[in-house]
């Protein structure tokens, strides 16, 4: 396992411990799907229905925060993959449904207006 992955696992373990030992009790049952962003170095946290807003609020107070996202019992590391999940969760379902499902195949069509393809070049 890479040291980067170990760092993320340790951050999640630390955040889970902080959350279950203190933060969950402080917040009570009022979360209703809101995001909690925890700094694993200090135990400070921010809460918002938009995970990115909570992240910005935490980073405004603690610019060097090593953060973990928590929502509905799921803990996500504060690296790009975790942030991508947070941002994706903020997109309304009807907008997700309207997104093209062939973007990797037809990205030139969507960006530049090239004709659509049915196959990748190596499949032709």
PDB file of N, CA and C in Angstrom:
ATOM      1  N   UNK A   1       0.849  -1.176   0.000  1.00  0.00           N
ATOM      2  CA  UNK A   1       0.000   0.000   0.000  1.00  0.00           C
ATOM      3  C   UNK A   1       0.892   1.235   0.000  1.00  0.00           C
ATOM      4  N   UNK A   2       0.562   2.210  -0.831  1.00  0.00           N
ATOM      5  CA  UNK A   2       1.386   3.404  -0.932  1.00  0.00           C
ATOM      6  C   UNK A   2       1.276   4.249   0.326  1.00  0.00           C
ATOM      7  N   UNK A   3       2.285   5.081   0.560  1.00  0.00           N
ATOM      8  CA  UNK A   3       2.261   5.936   1.746  1.00  0.00           C
ATOM      9  C   UNK A   3       1.121   6.941   1.658  1.00  0.00           C
ATOM     10  N   UNK A   4       0.772   7.362   0.421  1.00  0.00           N
ATOM     11  CA  UNK A   4      -0.344   8.289   0.245  1.00  0.00           C
ATOM     12  C   UNK A   4      -1.658   7.634   0.666  1.00  0.00           C
ATOM     13  N   UNK A   5      -1.836   6.370   0.279  1.00  0.00           N
ATOM     14  CA  UNK A   5      -3.044   5.646   0.651  1.00  0.00           C
ATOM     15  C   UNK A   5      -3.085   5.403   2.162  1.00  0.00           C
ATOM     16  N   UNK A   6      -1.940   5.098   2.740  1.00  0.00           N
ATOM     17  CA  UNK A   6      -1.864   4.935   4.192  1.00  0.00           C
ATOM     18  C   UNK A   6      -2.271   6.222   4.900  1.00  0.00           C
ATOM     19  N   UNK A   7      -1.824   7.358   4.367  1.00  0.00           N
ATOM     20  CA  UNK A   7      -2.150   8.649   4.966  1.00  0.00           C
ATOM     21  C   UNK A   7      -3.659   8.889   4.920  1.00  0.00           C
ATOM     22  N   UNK A   8      -4.296   8.550   3.784  1.00  0.00           N
ATOM     23  CA  UNK A   8      -5.741   8.724   3.672  1.00  0.00           C
ATOM     24  C   UNK A   8      -6.474   7.796   4.638  1.00  0.00           C
ATOM     25  N   UNK A   9      -6.032   6.556   4.739  1.00  0.00           N
ATOM     26  CA  UNK A   9      -6.666   5.614   5.658  1.00  0.00           C
ATOM     27  C   UNK A   9      -6.536   6.082   7.098  1.00  0.00           C
ATOM     28  N   UNK A  10      -5.369   6.580   7.465  1.00  0.00           N
ATOM     29  CA  UNK A  10      -5.156   7.092   8.813  1.00  0.00           C
ATOM     30  C   UNK A  10      -6.035   8.306   9.072  1.00  0.00           C
ATOM     31  N   UNK A  11      -6.154   9.193   8.083  1.00  0.00           N
ATOM     32  CA  UNK A  11      -7.007  10.372   8.230  1.00  0.00           C
ATOM     33  C   UNK A  11      -8.459   9.958   8.451  1.00  0.00           C
ATOM     34  N   UNK A  12      -8.916   8.976   7.694  1.00  0.00           N
ATOM     35  CA  UNK A  12     -10.299   8.517   7.852  1.00  0.00           C
ATOM     36  C   UNK A  12     -10.500   7.876   9.218  1.00  0.00           C
ATOM     37  N   UNK A  13      -9.560   7.041   9.654  1.00  0.00           N
ATOM     38  CA  UNK A  13      -9.668   6.420  10.975  1.00  0.00           C
ATOM     39  C   UNK A  13      -9.714   7.481  12.078  1.00  0.00           C
ATOM     40  N   UNK A  14      -8.864   8.484  11.975  1.00  0.00           N
ATOM     41  CA  UNK A  14      -8.828   9.560  12.969  1.00  0.00           C
ATOM     42  C   UNK A  14     -10.143  10.325  12.966  1.00  0.00           C
ATOM     43  N   UNK A  15     -10.651  10.661  11.775  1.00  0.00           N
ATOM     44  CA  UNK A  15     -11.911  11.393  11.668  1.00  0.00           C
ATOM     45  C   UNK A  15     -13.074  10.578  12.220  1.00  0.00           C
ATOM     46  N   UNK A  16     -13.098   9.283  11.938  1.00  0.00           N
ATOM     47  CA  UNK A  16     -14.166   8.426  12.463  1.00  0.00           C
ATOM     48  C   UNK A  16     -14.160   8.427  13.984  1.00  0.00           C
ATOM     49  N   UNK A  17     -12.966   8.325  14.564  1.00  0.00           N
ATOM     50  CA  UNK A  17     -12.848   8.323  16.022  1.00  0.00           C
ATOM     51  C   UNK A  17     -13.349   9.655  16.596  1.00  0.00           C
ATOM     52  N   UNK A  18     -12.902  10.775  16.011  1.00  0.00           N
ATOM     53  CA  UNK A  18     -13.342  12.095  16.469  1.00  0.00           C
ATOM     54  C   UNK A  18     -14.855  12.245  16.335  1.00  0.00           C
ATOM     55  N   UNK A  19     -15.369  11.792  15.211  1.00  0.00           N
ATOM     56  CA  UNK A  19     -16.800  11.922  14.946  1.00  0.00           C
ATOM     57  C   UNK A  19     -17.627  11.140  15.959  1.00  0.00           C
ATOM     58  N   UNK A  20     -17.254   9.883  16.177  1.00  0.00           N
ATOM     59  CA  UNK A  20     -18.062   9.034  17.059  1.00  0.00           C
ATOM     60  C   UNK A  20     -17.853   9.349  18.538  1.00  0.00           C
ATOM     61  N   UNK A  21     -16.685   9.843  18.907  1.00  0.00           N
ATOM     62  CA  UNK A  21     -16.427  10.135  20.314  1.00  0.00           C
ATOM     63  C   UNK A  21     -16.929  11.511  20.742  1.00  0.00           C
ATOM     64  N   UNK A  22     -17.022  12.475  19.815  1.00  0.00           N
ATOM     65  CA  UNK A  22     -17.371  13.827  20.248  1.00  0.00           C
ATOM     66  C   UNK A  22     -18.331  14.545  19.299  1.00  0.00           C
ATOM     67  N   UNK A  23     -17.993  14.602  18.032  1.00  0.00           N
ATOM     68  CA  UNK A  23     -18.721  15.468  17.097  1.00  0.00           C
ATOM     69  C   UNK A  23     -20.170  15.044  16.927  1.00  0.00           C
ATOM     70  N   UNK A  24     -20.410  13.759  16.805  1.00  0.00           N
ATOM     71  CA  UNK A  24     -21.778  13.260  16.608  1.00  0.00           C
ATOM     72  C   UNK A  24     -22.689  13.692  17.758  1.00  0.00           C
ATOM     73  N   UNK A  25     -22.175  13.612  18.988  1.00  0.00           N
ATOM     74  CA  UNK A  25     -22.959  14.031  20.143  1.00  0.00           C
ATOM     75  C   UNK A  25     -23.205  15.540  20.124  1.00  0.00           C
ATOM     76  N   UNK A  26     -22.202  16.313  19.723  1.00  0.00           N
ATOM     77  CA  UNK A  26     -22.360  17.764  19.659  1.00  0.00           C
ATOM     78  C   UNK A  26     -23.406  18.170  18.633  1.00  0.00           C
ATOM     79  N   UNK A  27     -23.462  17.466  17.521  1.00  0.00           N
ATOM     80  CA  UNK A  27     -24.391  17.814  16.453  1.00  0.00           C
ATOM     81  C   UNK A  27     -25.783  17.245  16.669  1.00  0.00           C
ATOM     82  N   UNK A  28     -25.877  16.153  17.392  1.00  0.00           N
ATOM     83  CA  UNK A  28     -27.171  15.530  17.633  1.00  0.00           C
ATOM     84  C   UNK A  28     -27.748  14.916  16.373  1.00  0.00           C
ATOM     85  N   UNK A  29     -29.068  14.863  16.314  1.00  0.00           N
ATOM     86  CA  UNK A  29     -29.753  14.220  15.187  1.00  0.00           C
ATOM     87  C   UNK A  29     -30.218  15.218  14.140  1.00  0.00           C
ATOM     88  N   UNK A  30     -29.547  16.353  14.040  1.00  0.00           N
ATOM     89  CA  UNK A  30     -30.022  17.414  13.163  1.00  0.00           C
ATOM     90  C   UNK A  30     -29.341  17.447  11.799  1.00  0.00           C
ATOM     91  N   UNK A  31     -28.541  16.451  11.460  1.00  0.00           N
ATOM     92  CA  UNK A  31     -27.752  16.522  10.227  1.00  0.00           C
ATOM     93  C   UNK A  31     -28.588  16.375   8.957  1.00  0.00           C
ATOM     94  N   UNK A  32     -29.472  15.413   8.901  1.00  0.00           N
ATOM     95  CA  UNK A  32     -30.346  15.219   7.738  1.00  0.00           C
ATOM     96  C   UNK A  32     -29.611  15.319   6.405  1.00  0.00           C
ATOM     97  N   UNK A  33     -28.562  14.531   6.244  1.00  0.00           N
ATOM     98  CA  UNK A  33     -27.845  14.491   4.978  1.00  0.00           C
ATOM     99  C   UNK A  33     -26.852  15.607   4.757  1.00  0.00           C
ATOM    100  N   UNK A  34     -26.611  16.435   5.771  1.00  0.00           N
ATOM    101  CA  UNK A  34     -25.632  17.503   5.618  1.00  0.00           C
ATOM    102  C   UNK A  34     -24.213  16.934   5.662  1.00  0.00           C
ATOM    103  N   UNK A  35     -23.282  17.705   5.138  1.00  0.00           N
ATOM    104  CA  UNK A  35     -21.874  17.332   5.143  1.00  0.00           C
ATOM    105  C   UNK A  35     -21.198  17.879   6.384  1.00  0.00           C
ATOM    106  N   UNK A  36     -20.333  17.071   6.964  1.00  0.00           N
ATOM    107  CA  UNK A  36     -19.462  17.505   8.054  1.00  0.00           C
ATOM    108  C   UNK A  36     -18.045  17.376   7.508  1.00  0.00           C
ATOM    109  N   UNK A  37     -17.267  18.450   7.601  1.00  0.00           N
ATOM    110  CA  UNK A  37     -15.876  18.415   7.162  1.00  0.00           C
ATOM    111  C   UNK A  37     -15.024  18.574   8.410  1.00  0.00           C
ATOM    112  N   UNK A  38     -14.202  17.567   8.682  1.00  0.00           N
ATOM    113  CA  UNK A  38     -13.415  17.506   9.924  1.00  0.00           C
ATOM    114  C   UNK A  38     -11.937  17.693   9.604  1.00  0.00           C
ATOM    115  N   UNK A  39     -11.275  18.549  10.377  1.00  0.00           N
ATOM    116  CA  UNK A  39      -9.816  18.654  10.308  1.00  0.00           C
ATOM    117  C   UNK A  39      -9.260  17.610  11.265  1.00  0.00           C
ATOM    118  N   UNK A  40      -8.544  16.634  10.736  1.00  0.00           N
ATOM    119  CA  UNK A  40      -8.062  15.528  11.566  1.00  0.00           C
ATOM    120  C   UNK A  40      -6.903  15.926  12.468  1.00  0.00           C
ATOM    121  N   UNK A  41      -6.321  17.099  12.249  1.00  0.00           N
ATOM    122  CA  UNK A  41      -5.236  17.558  13.115  1.00  0.00           C
ATOM    123  C   UNK A  41      -5.747  18.203  14.395  1.00  0.00           C
ATOM    124  N   UNK A  42      -6.881  18.910  14.298  1.00  0.00           N
ATOM    125  CA  UNK A  42      -7.382  19.667  15.451  1.00  0.00           C
ATOM    126  C   UNK A  42      -8.733  19.181  15.967  1.00  0.00           C
ATOM    127  N   UNK A  43      -9.490  18.478  15.139  1.00  0.00           N
ATOM    128  CA  UNK A  43     -10.836  18.070  15.524  1.00  0.00           C
ATOM    129  C   UNK A  43     -11.875  19.137  15.236  1.00  0.00           C
ATOM    130  N   UNK A  44     -11.445  20.277  14.700  1.00  0.00           N
ATOM    131  CA  UNK A  44     -12.389  21.327  14.316  1.00  0.00           C
ATOM    132  C   UNK A  44     -13.207  20.833  13.127  1.00  0.00           C
ATOM    133  N   UNK A  45     -14.421  21.344  12.990  1.00  0.00           N
ATOM    134  CA  UNK A  45     -15.276  20.910  11.894  1.00  0.00           C
ATOM    135  C   UNK A  45     -16.240  22.009  11.478  1.00  0.00           C
ATOM    136  N   UNK A  46     -16.794  21.839  10.309  1.00  0.00           N
ATOM    137  CA  UNK A  46     -17.842  22.710   9.775  1.00  0.00           C
ATOM    138  C   UNK A  46     -18.928  21.823   9.191  1.00  0.00           C
ATOM    139  N   UNK A  47     -20.158  22.334   9.201  1.00  0.00           N
ATOM    140  CA  UNK A  47     -21.313  21.586   8.712  1.00  0.00           C
ATOM    141  C   UNK A  47     -22.086  22.449   7.721  1.00  0.00           C
ATOM    142  N   UNK A  48     -22.508  21.853   6.621  1.00  0.00           N
ATOM    143  CA  UNK A  48     -23.360  22.557   5.664  1.00  0.00           C
ATOM    144  C   UNK A  48     -24.007  21.518   4.758  1.00  0.00           C
ATOM    145  N   UNK A  49     -25.139  21.872   4.162  1.00  0.00           N
ATOM    146  CA  UNK A  49     -25.765  20.936   3.220  1.00  0.00           C
ATOM    147  C   UNK A  49     -24.943  20.815   1.946  1.00  0.00           C
ATOM    148  N   UNK A  50     -24.102  21.808   1.665  1.00  0.00           N
ATOM    149  CA  UNK A  50     -23.188  21.774   0.531  1.00  0.00           C
ATOM    150  C   UNK A  50     -21.788  21.500   1.084  1.00  0.00           C
ATOM    151  N   UNK A  51     -21.227  20.351   0.741  1.00  0.00           N
ATOM    152  CA  UNK A  51     -19.923  19.965   1.269  1.00  0.00           C
ATOM    153  C   UNK A  51     -18.816  20.933   0.909  1.00  0.00           C
ATOM    154  N   UNK A  52     -18.933  21.551  -0.265  1.00  0.00           N
ATOM    155  CA  UNK A  52     -17.902  22.494  -0.676  1.00  0.00           C
ATOM    156  C   UNK A  52     -17.960  23.762   0.175  1.00  0.00           C
ATOM    157  N   UNK A  53     -19.152  24.202   0.544  1.00  0.00           N
ATOM    158  CA  UNK A  53     -19.303  25.374   1.416  1.00  0.00           C
ATOM    159  C   UNK A  53     -18.703  25.077   2.785  1.00  0.00           C
ATOM    160  N   UNK A  54     -18.964  23.883   3.308  1.00  0.00           N
ATOM    161  CA  UNK A  54     -18.383  23.496   4.599  1.00  0.00           C
ATOM    162  C   UNK A  54     -16.862  23.449   4.508  1.00  0.00           C
ATOM    163  N   UNK A  55     -16.331  22.923   3.407  1.00  0.00           N
ATOM    164  CA  UNK A  55     -14.885  22.869   3.215  1.00  0.00           C
ATOM    165  C   UNK A  55     -14.282  24.268   3.187  1.00  0.00           C
ATOM    166  N   UNK A  56     -14.906  25.173   2.433  1.00  0.00           N
ATOM    167  CA  UNK A  56     -14.385  26.541   2.355  1.00  0.00           C
ATOM    168  C   UNK A  56     -14.406  27.228   3.721  1.00  0.00           C
ATOM    169  N   UNK A  57     -15.463  26.996   4.499  1.00  0.00           N
ATOM    170  CA  UNK A  57     -15.552  27.603   5.830  1.00  0.00           C
ATOM    171  C   UNK A  57     -14.450  27.073   6.740  1.00  0.00           C
ATOM    172  N   UNK A  58     -14.201  25.764   6.672  1.00  0.00           N
ATOM    173  CA  UNK A  58     -13.145  25.174   7.502  1.00  0.00           C
ATOM    174  C   UNK A  58     -11.781  25.700   7.068  1.00  0.00           C
ATOM    175  N   UNK A  59     -11.540  25.745   5.769  1.00  0.00           N
ATOM    176  CA  UNK A  59     -10.241  26.214   5.280  1.00  0.00           C
ATOM    177  C   UNK A  59     -10.037  27.707   5.526  1.00  0.00           C
ATOM    178  N   UNK A  60     -11.121  28.478   5.637  1.00  0.00           N
ATOM    179  CA  UNK A  60     -10.988  29.901   5.968  1.00  0.00           C
ATOM    180  C   UNK A  60     -10.453  30.056   7.392  1.00  0.00           C
ATOM    181  N   UNK A  61     -10.876  29.161   8.277  1.00  0.00           N
ATOM    182  CA  UNK A  61     -10.390  29.201   9.666  1.00  0.00           C
ATOM    183  C   UNK A  61      -9.059  28.498   9.825  1.00  0.00           C
ATOM    184  N   UNK A  62      -8.890  27.391   9.095  1.00  0.00           N
ATOM    185  CA  UNK A  62      -7.688  26.558   9.222  1.00  0.00           C
ATOM    186  C   UNK A  62      -7.130  26.269   7.827  1.00  0.00           C
ATOM    187  N   UNK A  63      -6.324  27.168   7.284  1.00  0.00           N
ATOM    188  CA  UNK A  63      -5.833  26.993   5.913  1.00  0.00           C
ATOM    189  C   UNK A  63      -5.051  25.703   5.681  1.00  0.00           C
ATOM    190  N   UNK A  64      -4.433  25.159   6.705  1.00  0.00           N
ATOM    191  CA  UNK A  64      -3.646  23.933   6.539  1.00  0.00           C
ATOM    192  C   UNK A  64      -4.411  22.688   6.991  1.00  0.00           C
ATOM    193  N   UNK A  65      -5.731  22.762   6.999  1.00  0.00           N
ATOM    194  CA  UNK A  65      -6.543  21.644   7.470  1.00  0.00           C
ATOM    195  C   UNK A  65      -6.303  20.394   6.626  1.00  0.00           C
ATOM    196  N   UNK A  66      -6.209  19.272   7.298  1.00  0.00           N
ATOM    197  CA  UNK A  66      -6.138  17.959   6.649  1.00  0.00           C
ATOM    198  C   UNK A  66      -7.521  17.365   6.871  1.00  0.00           C
ATOM    199  N   UNK A  67      -8.385  17.494   5.891  1.00  0.00           N
ATOM    200  CA  UNK A  67      -9.809  17.270   6.114  1.00  0.00           C
ATOM    201  C   UNK A  67     -10.328  15.943   5.576  1.00  0.00           C
ATOM    202  N   UNK A  68     -11.418  15.536   6.219  1.00  0.00           N
ATOM    203  CA  UNK A  68     -12.177  14.354   5.809  1.00  0.00           C
ATOM    204  C   UNK A  68     -13.638  14.772   5.758  1.00  0.00           C
ATOM    205  N   UNK A  69     -14.338  14.341   4.704  1.00  0.00           N
ATOM    206  CA  UNK A  69     -15.756  14.614   4.555  1.00  0.00           C
ATOM    207  C   UNK A  69     -16.562  13.481   5.175  1.00  0.00           C
ATOM    208  N   UNK A  70     -17.665  13.832   5.843  1.00  0.00           N
ATOM    209  CA  UNK A  70     -18.561  12.824   6.417  1.00  0.00           C
ATOM    210  C   UNK A  70     -19.984  13.187   6.009  1.00  0.00           C
ATOM    211  N   UNK A  71     -20.700  12.182   5.528  1.00  0.00           N
ATOM    212  CA  UNK A  71     -22.122  12.387   5.224  1.00  0.00           C
ATOM    213  C   UNK A  71     -22.833  11.063   5.373  1.00  0.00           C
ATOM    214  N   UNK A  72     -23.879  11.070   6.176  1.00  0.00           N
ATOM    215  CA  UNK A  72     -24.704   9.875   6.385  1.00  0.00           C
ATOM    216  C   UNK A  72     -23.861   8.648   6.723  1.00  0.00           C
ATOM    217  N   UNK A  73     -22.851   8.837   7.566  1.00  0.00           N
ATOM    218  CA  UNK A  73     -22.019   7.726   8.011  1.00  0.00           C
ATOM    219  C   UNK A  73     -20.930   7.308   7.047  1.00  0.00           C
ATOM    220  N   UNK A  74     -20.821   7.964   5.892  1.00  0.00           N
ATOM    221  CA  UNK A  74     -19.763   7.636   4.939  1.00  0.00           C
ATOM    222  C   UNK A  74     -18.635   8.648   5.095  1.00  0.00           C
ATOM    223  N   UNK A  75     -17.423   8.153   5.253  1.00  0.00           N
ATOM    224  CA  UNK A  75     -16.247   8.984   5.444  1.00  0.00           C
ATOM    225  C   UNK A  75     -15.439   8.989   4.153  1.00  0.00           C
ATOM    226  N   UNK A  76     -15.157  10.186   3.624  1.00  0.00           N
ATOM    227  CA  UNK A  76     -14.418  10.333   2.377  1.00  0.00           C
ATOM    228  C   UNK A  76     -13.171  11.164   2.632  1.00  0.00           C
ATOM    229  N   UNK A  77     -12.034  10.718   2.138  1.00  0.00           N
ATOM    230  CA  UNK A  77     -10.811  11.502   2.342  1.00  0.00           C
ATOM    231  C   UNK A  77     -10.895  12.840   1.620  1.00  0.00           C
ATOM    232  N   UNK A  78     -10.148  13.806   2.108  1.00  0.00           N
ATOM    233  CA  UNK A  78     -10.190  15.151   1.553  1.00  0.00           C
ATOM    234  C   UNK A  78      -9.314  15.342   0.332  1.00  0.00           C
ATOM    235  N   UNK A  79      -8.955  14.294  -0.380  1.00  0.00           N
ATOM    236  CA  UNK A  79      -8.187  14.450  -1.607  1.00  0.00           C
ATOM    237  C   UNK A  79      -9.147  14.601  -2.780  1.00  0.00           C
ATOM    238  N   UNK A  80      -8.628  14.619  -3.966  1.00  0.00           N
ATOM    239  CA  UNK A  80      -9.424  14.901  -5.150  1.00  0.00           C
ATOM    240  C   UNK A  80     -10.620  13.963  -5.309  1.00  0.00           C
ATOM    241  N   UNK A  81     -10.444  12.679  -5.046  1.00  0.00           N
ATOM    242  CA  UNK A  81     -11.559  11.743  -5.184  1.00  0.00           C
ATOM    243  C   UNK A  81     -12.692  12.047  -4.220  1.00  0.00           C
ATOM    244  N   UNK A  82     -12.339  12.384  -2.991  1.00  0.00           N
ATOM    245  CA  UNK A  82     -13.364  12.747  -2.007  1.00  0.00           C
ATOM    246  C   UNK A  82     -14.081  14.019  -2.398  1.00  0.00           C
ATOM    247  N   UNK A  83     -13.321  15.011  -2.839  1.00  0.00           N
ATOM    248  CA  UNK A  83     -13.929  16.272  -3.254  1.00  0.00           C
ATOM    249  C   UNK A  83     -14.813  16.072  -4.482  1.00  0.00           C
ATOM    250  N   UNK A  84     -14.392  15.220  -5.397  1.00  0.00           N
ATOM    251  CA  UNK A  84     -15.206  14.953  -6.588  1.00  0.00           C
ATOM    252  C   UNK A  84     -16.553  14.353  -6.186  1.00  0.00           C
ATOM    253  N   UNK A  85     -16.556  13.439  -5.218  1.00  0.00           N
ATOM    254  CA  UNK A  85     -17.822  12.859  -4.753  1.00  0.00           C
ATOM    255  C   UNK A  85     -18.707  13.912  -4.106  1.00  0.00           C
ATOM    256  N   UNK A  86     -18.089  14.826  -3.354  1.00  0.00           N
ATOM    257  CA  UNK A  86     -18.855  15.908  -2.720  1.00  0.00           C
ATOM    258  C   UNK A  86     -19.488  16.787  -3.791  1.00  0.00           C
ATOM    259  N   UNK A  87     -18.693  17.205  -4.764  1.00  0.00           N
ATOM    260  CA  UNK A  87     -19.218  18.072  -5.810  1.00  0.00           C
ATOM    261  C   UNK A  87     -20.288  17.361  -6.638  1.00  0.00           C
ATOM    262  N   UNK A  88     -20.063  16.088  -6.968  1.00  0.00           N
ATOM    263  CA  UNK A  88     -21.039  15.307  -7.740  1.00  0.00           C
ATOM    264  C   UNK A  88     -22.358  15.192  -6.979  1.00  0.00           C
ATOM    265  N   UNK A  89     -22.297  15.046  -5.668  1.00  0.00           N
ATOM    266  CA  UNK A  89     -23.529  14.903  -4.887  1.00  0.00           C
ATOM    267  C   UNK A  89     -24.349  16.180  -4.876  1.00  0.00           C
ATOM    268  N   UNK A  90     -23.741  17.315  -5.180  1.00  0.00           N
ATOM    269  CA  UNK A  90     -24.462  18.592  -5.187  1.00  0.00           C
ATOM    270  C   UNK A  90     -25.158  18.875  -6.514  1.00  0.00           C
ATOM    271  N   UNK A  91     -24.945  18.032  -7.520  1.00  0.00           N
ATOM    272  CA  UNK A  91     -25.595  18.227  -8.818  1.00  0.00           C
ATOM    273  C   UNK A  91     -26.972  17.584  -8.765  1.00  0.00           C
ATOM    274  N   UNK A  92     -28.032  18.337  -9.093  1.00  0.00           N
ATOM    275  CA  UNK A  92     -29.382  17.757  -9.076  1.00  0.00           C
ATOM    276  C   UNK A  92     -29.491  16.561 -10.027  1.00  0.00           C
ATOM    277  N   UNK A  93     -30.284  15.575  -9.650  1.00  0.00           N
ATOM    278  CA  UNK A  93     -30.408  14.342 -10.432  1.00  0.00           C
ATOM    279  C   UNK A  93     -30.842  14.603 -11.865  1.00  0.00           C
ATOM    280  N   UNK A  94     -31.746  15.557 -12.086  1.00  0.00           N
ATOM    281  CA  UNK A  94     -32.195  15.821 -13.458  1.00  0.00           C
ATOM    282  C   UNK A  94     -31.048  16.343 -14.329  1.00  0.00           C
ATOM    283  N   UNK A  95     -30.105  17.070 -13.743  1.00  0.00           N
ATOM    284  CA  UNK A  95     -28.937  17.513 -14.505  1.00  0.00           C
ATOM    285  C   UNK A  95     -27.991  16.344 -14.784  1.00  0.00           C
ATOM    286  N   UNK A  96     -27.837  15.445 -13.813  1.00  0.00           N
ATOM    287  CA  UNK A  96     -27.001  14.268 -14.039  1.00  0.00           C
ATOM    288  C   UNK A  96     -27.579  13.419 -15.166  1.00  0.00           C
ATOM    289  N   UNK A  97     -28.914  13.256 -15.157  1.00  0.00           N
ATOM    290  CA  UNK A  97     -29.571  12.445 -16.177  1.00  0.00           C
ATOM    291  C   UNK A  97     -29.426  13.052 -17.566  1.00  0.00           C
ATOM    292  N   UNK A  98     -29.290  14.389 -17.649  1.00  0.00           N
ATOM    293  CA  UNK A  98     -29.175  15.068 -18.935  1.00  0.00           C
ATOM    294  C   UNK A  98     -27.747  15.041 -19.487  1.00  0.00           C
ATOM    295  N   UNK A  99     -26.780  14.633 -18.680  1.00  0.00           N
ATOM    296  CA  UNK A  99     -25.387  14.601 -19.135  1.00  0.00           C
ATOM    297  C   UNK A  99     -25.186  13.459 -20.130  1.00  0.00           C
ATOM    298  N   UNK A 100     -24.351  13.680 -21.148  1.00  0.00           N
ATOM    299  CA  UNK A 100     -24.109  12.605 -22.119  1.00  0.00           C
ATOM    300  C   UNK A 100     -23.373  11.438 -21.460  1.00  0.00           C
ATOM    301  N   UNK A 101     -23.746  10.244 -21.865  1.00  0.00           N
ATOM    302  CA  UNK A 101     -23.119   9.040 -21.309  1.00  0.00           C
ATOM    303  C   UNK A 101     -22.001   8.517 -22.210  1.00  0.00           C
ATOM    304  N   UNK A 102     -21.746   9.229 -23.299  1.00  0.00           N
ATOM    305  CA  UNK A 102     -20.692   8.819 -24.218  1.00  0.00           C
ATOM    306  C   UNK A 102     -19.603   9.896 -24.295  1.00  0.00           C
ATOM    307  N   UNK A 103     -19.387  10.598 -23.207  1.00  0.00           N
ATOM    308  CA  UNK A 103     -18.450  11.719 -23.186  1.00  0.00           C
ATOM    309  C   UNK A 103     -17.022  11.352 -23.532  1.00  0.00           C
ATOM    310  N   UNK A 104     -16.546  10.209 -23.076  1.00  0.00           N
ATOM    311  CA  UNK A 104     -15.166   9.850 -23.390  1.00  0.00           C
ATOM    312  C   UNK A 104     -15.022   9.492 -24.866  1.00  0.00           C
ATOM    313  N   UNK A 105     -16.060   8.959 -25.462  1.00  0.00           N
ATOM    314  CA  UNK A 105     -16.023   8.597 -26.882  1.00  0.00           C
ATOM    315  C   UNK A 105     -16.216   9.832 -27.759  1.00  0.00           C
ATOM    316  N   UNK A 106     -17.105  10.704 -27.348  1.00  0.00           N
ATOM    317  CA  UNK A 106     -17.490  11.840 -28.195  1.00  0.00           C
ATOM    318  C   UNK A 106     -17.150  13.198 -27.593  1.00  0.00           C
ATOM    319  N   UNK A 107     -16.083  13.260 -26.810  1.00  0.00           N
ATOM    320  CA  UNK A 107     -15.735  14.535 -26.192  1.00  0.00           C
ATOM    321  C   UNK A 107     -15.476  15.621 -27.239  1.00  0.00           C
ATOM    322  N   UNK A 108     -14.904  15.246 -28.385  1.00  0.00           N
ATOM    323  CA  UNK A 108     -14.655  16.244 -29.433  1.00  0.00           C
ATOM    324  C   UNK A 108     -15.971  16.782 -29.999  1.00  0.00           C
ATOM    325  N   UNK A 109     -16.981  15.946 -30.034  1.00  0.00           N
ATOM    326  CA  UNK A 109     -18.299  16.396 -30.486  1.00  0.00           C
ATOM    327  C   UNK A 109     -18.854  17.436 -29.509  1.00  0.00           C
ATOM    328  N   UNK A 110     -18.794  17.124 -28.202  1.00  0.00           N
ATOM    329  CA  UNK A 110     -19.383  18.011 -27.199  1.00  0.00           C
ATOM    330  C   UNK A 110     -18.575  19.292 -27.004  1.00  0.00           C
ATOM    331  N   UNK A 111     -17.262  19.231 -27.196  1.00  0.00           N
ATOM    332  CA  UNK A 111     -16.430  20.420 -27.017  1.00  0.00           C
ATOM    333  C   UNK A 111     -16.284  21.258 -28.282  1.00  0.00           C
ATOM    334  N   UNK A 112     -16.140  20.571 -29.439  1.00  0.00           N
ATOM    335  CA  UNK A 112     -15.771  21.292 -30.651  1.00  0.00           C
ATOM    336  C   UNK A 112     -16.733  21.112 -31.822  1.00  0.00           C
ATOM    337  N   UNK A 113     -17.763  20.296 -31.662  1.00  0.00           N
ATOM    338  CA  UNK A 113     -18.738  20.114 -32.730  1.00  0.00           C
ATOM    339  C   UNK A 113     -18.367  19.086 -33.789  1.00  0.00           C
ATOM    340  N   UNK A 114     -17.352  18.260 -33.541  1.00  0.00           N
ATOM    341  CA  UNK A 114     -16.994  17.197 -34.496  1.00  0.00           C
ATOM    342  C   UNK A 114     -18.171  16.231 -34.620  1.00  0.00           C
ATOM    343  N   UNK A 115     -18.225  15.463 -35.713  1.00  0.00           N
ATOM    344  CA  UNK A 115     -19.289  14.446 -35.836  1.00  0.00           C
ATOM    345  C   UNK A 115     -19.168  13.400 -34.721  1.00  0.00           C
ATOM    346  N   UNK A 116     -20.306  12.864 -34.302  1.00  0.00           N
ATOM    347  CA  UNK A 116     -20.308  11.819 -33.267  1.00  0.00           C
ATOM    348  C   UNK A 116     -19.740  10.520 -33.830  1.00  0.00           C
ATOM    349  N   UNK A 117     -19.170   9.716 -32.932  1.00  0.00           N
ATOM    350  CA  UNK A 117     -18.638   8.394 -33.297  1.00  0.00           C
ATOM    351  C   UNK A 117     -19.438   7.313 -32.582  1.00  0.00           C
ATOM    352  N   UNK A 118     -19.456   6.108 -33.167  1.00  0.00           N
ATOM    353  CA  UNK A 118     -20.059   4.969 -32.458  1.00  0.00           C
ATOM    354  C   UNK A 118     -18.992   4.062 -31.883  1.00  0.00           C
ATOM    355  N   UNK A 119     -17.747   4.219 -32.346  1.00  0.00           N
ATOM    356  CA  UNK A 119     -16.656   3.361 -31.886  1.00  0.00           C
ATOM    357  C   UNK A 119     -15.415   4.214 -31.633  1.00  0.00           C
ATOM    358  N   UNK A 120     -14.570   3.701 -30.790  1.00  0.00           N
ATOM    359  CA  UNK A 120     -13.259   4.331 -30.588  1.00  0.00           C
ATOM    360  C   UNK A 120     -12.398   4.037 -31.814  1.00  0.00           C
ATOM    361  N   UNK A 121     -11.427   4.911 -32.111  1.00  0.00           N
ATOM    362  CA  UNK A 121     -10.590   4.700 -33.308  1.00  0.00           C
ATOM    363  C   UNK A 121      -9.936   3.326 -33.364  1.00  0.00           C
ATOM    364  N   UNK A 122      -9.528   2.769 -32.244  1.00  0.00           N
ATOM    365  CA  UNK A 122      -8.866   1.459 -32.264  1.00  0.00           C
ATOM    366  C   UNK A 122      -9.847   0.296 -32.474  1.00  0.00           C
ATOM    367  N   UNK A 123     -11.137   0.592 -32.433  1.00  0.00           N
ATOM    368  CA  UNK A 123     -12.138  -0.441 -32.685  1.00  0.00           C
ATOM    369  C   UNK A 123     -12.556  -0.482 -34.156  1.00  0.00           C
ATOM    370  N   UNK A 124     -12.187   0.550 -34.921  1.00  0.00           N
ATOM    371  CA  UNK A 124     -12.633   0.639 -36.313  1.00  0.00           C
ATOM    372  C   UNK A 124     -11.835  -0.257 -37.220  1.00  0.00           C
TER     373      UNK A 124
END
